Amino acid sequence: MLFRARQFEFVYPRPALVMGIVNVTPDSFSDGGNFFDSSKAVQHALELVEQGAEILDIGGESTRPGANPVSEKEELRRVIPVIEKLAAKIKIPISIDTMKPAVARAALEAGASIVNDVGANRSDVEMWQIVSEFRAGYICMHAPPVFHKLQKQKNILLEVRKFFRGRFEKLRASGILPEQIVFDPGIGFGKTLGQNLQLLAGLRSFKKLKRPLLIGVSRKSFIGKLLGANVNERLPASLACASLAVVGGGVQIVRAHDVAETVRAVRMTEAIVAAVCDRR
């Protein structure tokens, strides 16, 4: 299986990729305000690369529940200087985390290679046409039409699989090649605690789609609901979810705030599983 994002290629099977999160925002749920200054954001991103990040995900608008919308102009002001500076310094893919086509285009022009689209439930095709034009990677995330409005589906696995199949056809019709597409089940977006757990337990069912799968569980609120842990106490559970998702669910990309810890946990888990397979 191949994932291609402009000049970058990843051929699977291979060790899972860890995507480092860089929020250039004042209000993200976990690290809002820490890297709002572009120079701090760039420095943090470079530290994540040193820690083992193989993709950097740059976002300028929080998608947490209750977050205020950000104008296109403001989002551009936040993310483009960071992407431009990083593109000149690093040799790994940069992902732009945005729902706005104009921001995606500007980011790709500035040196990004992937569009991480939490608004993939869109009905218009402008974003997809831009991705096709640049031959960028595209992360298609499942979310309800109204962000964070809880879904009532009893079989969330079936619902997400149906969404992915439908999006795949629309993406192909817009000129996006299969090897450009990654699917993200959208843990935490409009899902109940039970649905999030069902998705994590059933990730392997998405293998039939024959596309890489990404998960983002890092420090998310469903962990707090289950364990009573605040946002700064969720790392152990985040690592447990990531490790199980990679070896049990076949996930190829893990999006994380805590890159060094996530890389170590995932590599250790992969090594153990490889040793078990060697014994057979």
Protein backbone atom coordinates (compact mmCIF):
# COMPACT_ATOMS: atom_id res chain seq x y z
CA MET A 1 0.00 0.00 0.00
CA LEU A 2 1.29 3.44 -0.97
CA PHE A 3 0.65 6.87 0.53
CA ARG A 4 1.84 9.72 -1.68
CA ALA A 5 1.82 13.41 -0.70
CA ARG A 6 3.40 15.52 -3.42
CA GLN A 7 7.13 14.59 -3.42
CA PHE A 8 6.83 12.30 -0.39
CA GLU A 9 6.07 8.58 -0.53
CA PHE A 10 5.47 6.04 2.23
CA VAL A 11 5.23 2.37 1.31
CA TYR A 12 3.46 -0.01 3.69
CA PRO A 13 4.05 -2.27 5.52
CA ARG A 14 6.44 -0.07 7.52
CA PRO A 15 6.58 1.27 11.09
CA ALA A 16 3.69 3.54 11.95
CA LEU A 17 4.22 7.25 11.35
CA VAL A 18 3.84 9.66 14.24
CA MET A 19 2.36 13.03 13.27
CA GLY A 20 3.33 15.85 15.63
CA ILE A 21 0.69 18.45 16.46
CA VAL A 22 1.55 22.16 16.30
CA ASN A 23 -1.42 24.34 17.29
CA VAL A 24 -0.84 27.98 16.34
CA THR A 25 -3.92 28.97 18.33
CA PRO A 26 -4.80 30.71 21.59
CA ASP A 27 -7.63 28.32 22.48
CA SER A 28 -6.93 24.70 21.52
CA PHE A 29 -8.09 22.31 24.24
CA SER A 30 -4.65 20.97 25.16
CA ASP A 31 -1.92 23.47 24.34
CA GLY A 32 -3.82 26.58 23.29
CA GLY A 33 -1.65 29.69 23.56
CA ASN A 34 1.62 27.81 24.14
CA PHE A 35 2.78 28.24 20.55
CA PHE A 36 0.60 31.10 19.33
CA ASP A 37 3.69 33.12 18.47
CA SER A 38 5.05 31.92 15.12
CA SER A 39 8.66 31.72 16.30
CA LYS A 40 7.62 29.57 19.27
CA ALA A 41 5.54 27.39 16.96
CA VAL A 42 8.49 26.85 14.62
CA GLN A 43 10.82 26.02 17.52
CA HIS A 44 8.29 23.56 18.96
CA ALA A 45 7.86 21.93 15.55
CA LEU A 46 11.61 21.47 15.17
CA GLU A 47 11.74 19.88 18.63
CA LEU A 48 9.00 17.44 17.58
CA VAL A 49 11.06 16.46 14.54
CA GLU A 50 14.04 15.77 16.81
CA GLN A 51 11.76 13.62 18.97
CA GLY A 52 10.83 11.46 15.97
CA ALA A 53 7.86 13.11 14.26
CA GLU A 54 7.74 12.07 10.60
CA ILE A 55 4.88 14.44 9.73
CA LEU A 56 4.05 17.84 11.25
CA ASP A 57 0.40 18.96 11.43
CA ILE A 58 0.03 22.75 11.60
CA GLY A 59 -3.34 24.17 12.66
CA GLY A 60 -4.58 27.72 13.11
CA GLU A 61 -8.17 27.13 14.22
CA SER A 62 -9.31 25.17 17.24
CA THR A 63 -12.00 22.53 16.68
CA ARG A 64 -12.71 21.92 20.36
CA PRO A 65 -16.34 22.19 21.50
CA GLY A 66 -17.34 25.84 21.92
CA ALA A 67 -14.32 27.26 20.09
CA ASN A 68 -14.88 30.56 18.28
CA PRO A 69 -14.65 30.45 14.46
CA VAL A 70 -11.55 32.03 12.94
CA SER A 71 -11.65 34.20 9.82
CA GLU A 72 -9.78 33.12 6.73
CA LYS A 73 -7.48 36.14 7.01
CA GLU A 74 -6.61 35.39 10.64
CA GLU A 75 -6.02 31.69 9.99
CA LEU A 76 -3.68 32.55 7.12
CA ARG A 77 -1.81 35.00 9.35
CA ARG A 78 -1.29 32.30 11.94
CA VAL A 79 -0.17 29.36 9.84
CA ILE A 80 1.52 30.55 6.64
CA PRO A 81 4.65 32.09 8.27
CA VAL A 82 5.12 28.89 10.28
CA ILE A 83 4.81 26.66 7.21
CA GLU A 84 7.15 28.83 5.15
CA LYS A 85 9.84 28.74 7.82
CA LEU A 86 9.50 25.01 8.43
CA ALA A 87 9.51 24.14 4.72
CA ALA A 88 12.94 25.76 4.47
CA LYS A 89 14.30 23.82 7.46
CA ILE A 90 12.90 20.27 7.40
CA LYS A 91 12.66 17.39 4.97
CA ILE A 92 9.48 15.72 6.20
CA PRO A 93 5.87 16.35 5.10
CA ILE A 94 4.00 19.32 6.53
CA SER A 95 0.25 18.93 6.93
CA ILE A 96 -2.18 21.86 7.10
CA ASP A 97 -5.08 21.23 9.47
CA THR A 98 -7.85 23.36 7.99
CA MET A 99 -11.42 23.34 6.71
CA LYS A 100 -10.91 26.38 4.44
CA PRO A 101 -9.97 25.80 0.77
CA ALA A 102 -8.16 29.15 0.51
CA VAL A 103 -6.02 28.31 3.54
CA ALA A 104 -5.25 24.88 2.10
CA ARG A 105 -4.15 26.42 -1.20
CA ALA A 106 -1.94 29.01 0.48
CA ALA A 107 -0.41 26.37 2.73
CA LEU A 108 0.39 24.09 -0.21
CA GLU A 109 1.94 27.02 -2.05
CA ALA A 110 4.02 27.75 1.07
CA GLY A 111 5.40 24.20 1.20
CA ALA A 112 2.81 21.94 2.83
CA SER A 113 2.24 18.49 1.32
CA ILE A 114 -0.89 17.22 3.08
CA VAL A 115 -4.35 18.64 3.78
CA ASN A 116 -5.85 17.36 7.04
CA ASP A 117 -9.53 18.09 6.52
CA VAL A 118 -11.77 17.75 9.56
CA GLY A 119 -14.52 19.17 7.34
CA ALA A 120 -14.44 16.25 4.89
CA ASN A 121 -18.22 15.93 5.22
CA ARG A 122 -18.44 19.01 2.97
CA SER A 123 -20.77 19.04 -0.04
CA ASP A 124 -18.76 21.38 -2.29
CA VAL A 125 -15.71 20.15 -4.21
CA GLU A 126 -13.36 23.16 -4.08
CA MET A 127 -11.10 21.68 -1.39
CA TRP A 128 -10.80 18.40 -3.27
CA GLN A 129 -10.00 20.15 -6.54
CA ILE A 130 -7.14 21.98 -4.81
CA VAL A 131 -5.80 18.71 -3.38
CA SER A 132 -5.99 17.17 -6.85
CA GLU A 133 -4.24 20.15 -8.46
CA PHE A 134 -1.28 19.95 -6.06
CA ARG A 135 -1.26 16.13 -5.88
CA ALA A 136 -1.24 16.58 -2.12
CA GLY A 137 -1.99 13.96 0.48
CA TYR A 138 -5.54 14.19 1.85
CA ILE A 139 -6.71 13.10 5.29
CA CYS A 140 -10.45 12.51 5.17
CA MET A 141 -11.91 12.65 8.68
CA HIS A 142 -15.36 11.46 9.70
CA ALA A 143 -17.47 13.97 11.61
CA PRO A 144 -21.18 14.79 11.75
CA PRO A 145 -22.46 17.77 9.72
CA VAL A 146 -22.66 19.74 12.96
CA PHE A 147 -19.37 19.41 14.84
CA HIS A 148 -19.62 17.73 18.23
CA LYS A 149 -23.35 17.05 17.90
CA LEU A 150 -23.59 13.53 19.24
CA GLN A 151 -24.62 10.90 16.73
CA LYS A 152 -27.34 8.40 17.53
CA GLN A 153 -26.09 5.55 15.35
CA LYS A 154 -25.95 2.28 17.24
CA ASN A 155 -23.42 0.83 14.81
CA ILE A 156 -20.81 3.57 14.54
CA LEU A 157 -18.39 1.28 12.69
CA LEU A 158 -20.90 0.75 9.91
CA GLU A 159 -21.67 4.48 9.79
CA VAL A 160 -18.01 5.49 9.48
CA ARG A 161 -17.28 2.79 6.89
CA LYS A 162 -20.23 3.98 4.81
CA PHE A 163 -18.98 7.57 5.06
CA PHE A 164 -15.48 6.60 3.93
CA ARG A 165 -16.76 4.65 0.94
CA GLY A 166 -18.94 7.57 -0.13
CA ARG A 167 -16.12 10.08 0.29
CA PHE A 168 -13.74 7.82 -1.64
CA GLU A 169 -16.01 7.95 -4.68
CA LYS A 170 -16.37 11.74 -4.43
CA LEU A 171 -12.62 12.21 -4.03
CA ARG A 172 -11.89 10.04 -7.05
CA ALA A 173 -14.46 12.00 -9.08
CA SER A 174 -12.60 15.19 -8.12
CA GLY A 175 -9.33 13.86 -9.50
CA ILE A 176 -7.71 12.66 -6.27
CA LEU A 177 -5.83 9.38 -6.71
CA PRO A 178 -6.31 6.53 -4.21
CA GLU A 179 -2.69 6.76 -3.07
CA GLN A 180 -3.28 10.34 -1.90
CA ILE A 181 -6.04 9.36 0.54
CA VAL A 182 -5.83 8.60 4.27
CA PHE A 183 -8.91 7.93 6.41
CA ASP A 184 -9.45 9.18 9.98
CA PRO A 185 -12.46 7.88 11.95
CA GLY A 186 -12.65 11.16 13.88
CA ILE A 187 -12.32 9.94 17.45
CA GLY A 188 -14.06 12.46 19.70
CA PHE A 189 -15.94 14.30 16.97
CA GLY A 190 -19.66 13.86 17.58
CA LYS A 191 -19.20 10.47 19.23
CA THR A 192 -20.29 9.24 22.63
CA LEU A 193 -17.81 7.57 24.96
CA GLY A 194 -19.19 4.18 23.94
CA GLN A 195 -18.90 4.98 20.23
CA ASN A 196 -15.28 6.13 20.63
CA LEU A 197 -14.45 2.85 22.36
CA GLN A 198 -16.28 0.86 19.66
CA LEU A 199 -14.26 2.61 16.97
CA LEU A 200 -10.96 1.92 18.73
CA ALA A 201 -11.92 -1.72 19.22
CA GLY A 202 -13.02 -2.12 15.60
CA LEU A 203 -10.31 -0.28 13.68
CA ARG A 204 -9.21 -3.40 11.84
CA SER A 205 -12.57 -3.51 10.05
CA PHE A 206 -11.43 -0.51 8.00
CA LYS A 207 -8.61 -2.54 6.41
CA LYS A 208 -11.02 -3.49 3.63
CA LEU A 209 -10.78 0.08 2.38
CA LYS A 210 -7.11 -0.58 1.49
CA ARG A 211 -6.03 2.91 2.51
CA PRO A 212 -3.85 4.06 5.42
CA LEU A 213 -5.72 4.85 8.62
CA LEU A 214 -4.91 7.73 10.98
CA ILE A 215 -6.12 8.15 14.53
CA GLY A 216 -5.99 11.14 16.83
CA VAL A 217 -6.63 10.20 20.45
CA SER A 218 -4.03 12.39 22.13
CA ARG A 219 -5.34 13.87 25.42
CA LYS A 220 -8.95 13.78 24.16
CA SER A 221 -11.96 14.30 26.38
CA PHE A 222 -13.32 10.75 26.09
CA ILE A 223 -10.29 9.66 28.13
CA GLY A 224 -11.26 12.16 30.82
CA LYS A 225 -14.85 10.89 30.81
CA LEU A 226 -13.74 7.30 31.26
CA LEU A 227 -10.94 7.81 33.78
CA GLY A 228 -11.75 11.14 35.42
CA ALA A 229 -8.41 12.50 34.22
CA ASN A 230 -7.83 16.15 33.36
CA VAL A 231 -6.08 17.09 30.11
CA ASN A 232 -2.62 16.95 31.70
CA GLU A 233 -3.21 13.47 33.10
CA ARG A 234 -4.20 11.71 29.87
CA LEU A 235 -0.82 10.72 28.44
CA PRO A 236 -0.76 7.09 29.71
CA ALA A 237 -4.21 6.39 28.29
CA SER A 238 -3.31 8.16 25.03
CA LEU A 239 -0.27 5.90 24.68
CA ALA A 240 -2.34 2.80 25.41
CA CYS A 241 -4.84 3.75 22.72
CA ALA A 242 -2.10 4.54 20.19
CA SER A 243 -0.18 1.30 20.79
CA LEU A 244 -3.27 -0.89 20.60
CA ALA A 245 -4.49 0.95 17.50
CA VAL A 246 -1.23 0.30 15.68
CA VAL A 247 -0.76 -3.38 16.51
CA GLY A 248 -4.38 -4.42 16.95
CA GLY A 249 -6.12 -2.04 14.58
CA GLY A 250 -3.59 -1.75 11.79
CA VAL A 251 -3.34 2.04 12.09
CA GLN A 252 -0.52 3.55 10.01
CA ILE A 253 -0.43 7.15 11.33
CA VAL A 254 -0.81 8.38 14.92
CA ARG A 255 -1.44 12.08 15.51
CA ALA A 256 0.00 13.13 18.87
CA HIS A 257 0.98 16.05 21.09
CA ASP A 258 3.55 13.99 23.01
CA VAL A 259 5.74 12.81 20.16
CA ALA A 260 8.75 11.35 22.01
CA GLU A 261 6.56 9.28 24.31
CA THR A 262 4.31 8.14 21.48
CA VAL A 263 7.22 7.08 19.28
CA ARG A 264 8.73 5.03 22.12
CA ALA A 265 5.45 3.37 23.04
CA VAL A 266 4.57 2.48 19.47
CA ARG A 267 8.07 1.22 18.57
CA MET A 268 8.18 -0.94 21.69
CA THR A 269 4.80 -2.44 20.90
CA GLU A 270 5.79 -3.07 17.28
CA ALA A 271 9.02 -4.77 18.40
CA ILE A 272 7.18 -7.11 20.76
CA VAL A 273 4.67 -8.08 18.09
CA ALA A 274 7.50 -8.64 15.58
CA ALA A 275 9.25 -10.93 18.08
CA VAL A 276 6.09 -12.97 18.54
CA CYS A 277 5.73 -13.34 14.77
CA ASP A 278 9.39 -14.43 14.45
CA ARG A 279 8.80 -17.22 16.97
CA ARG A 280 6.01 -18.57 14.84
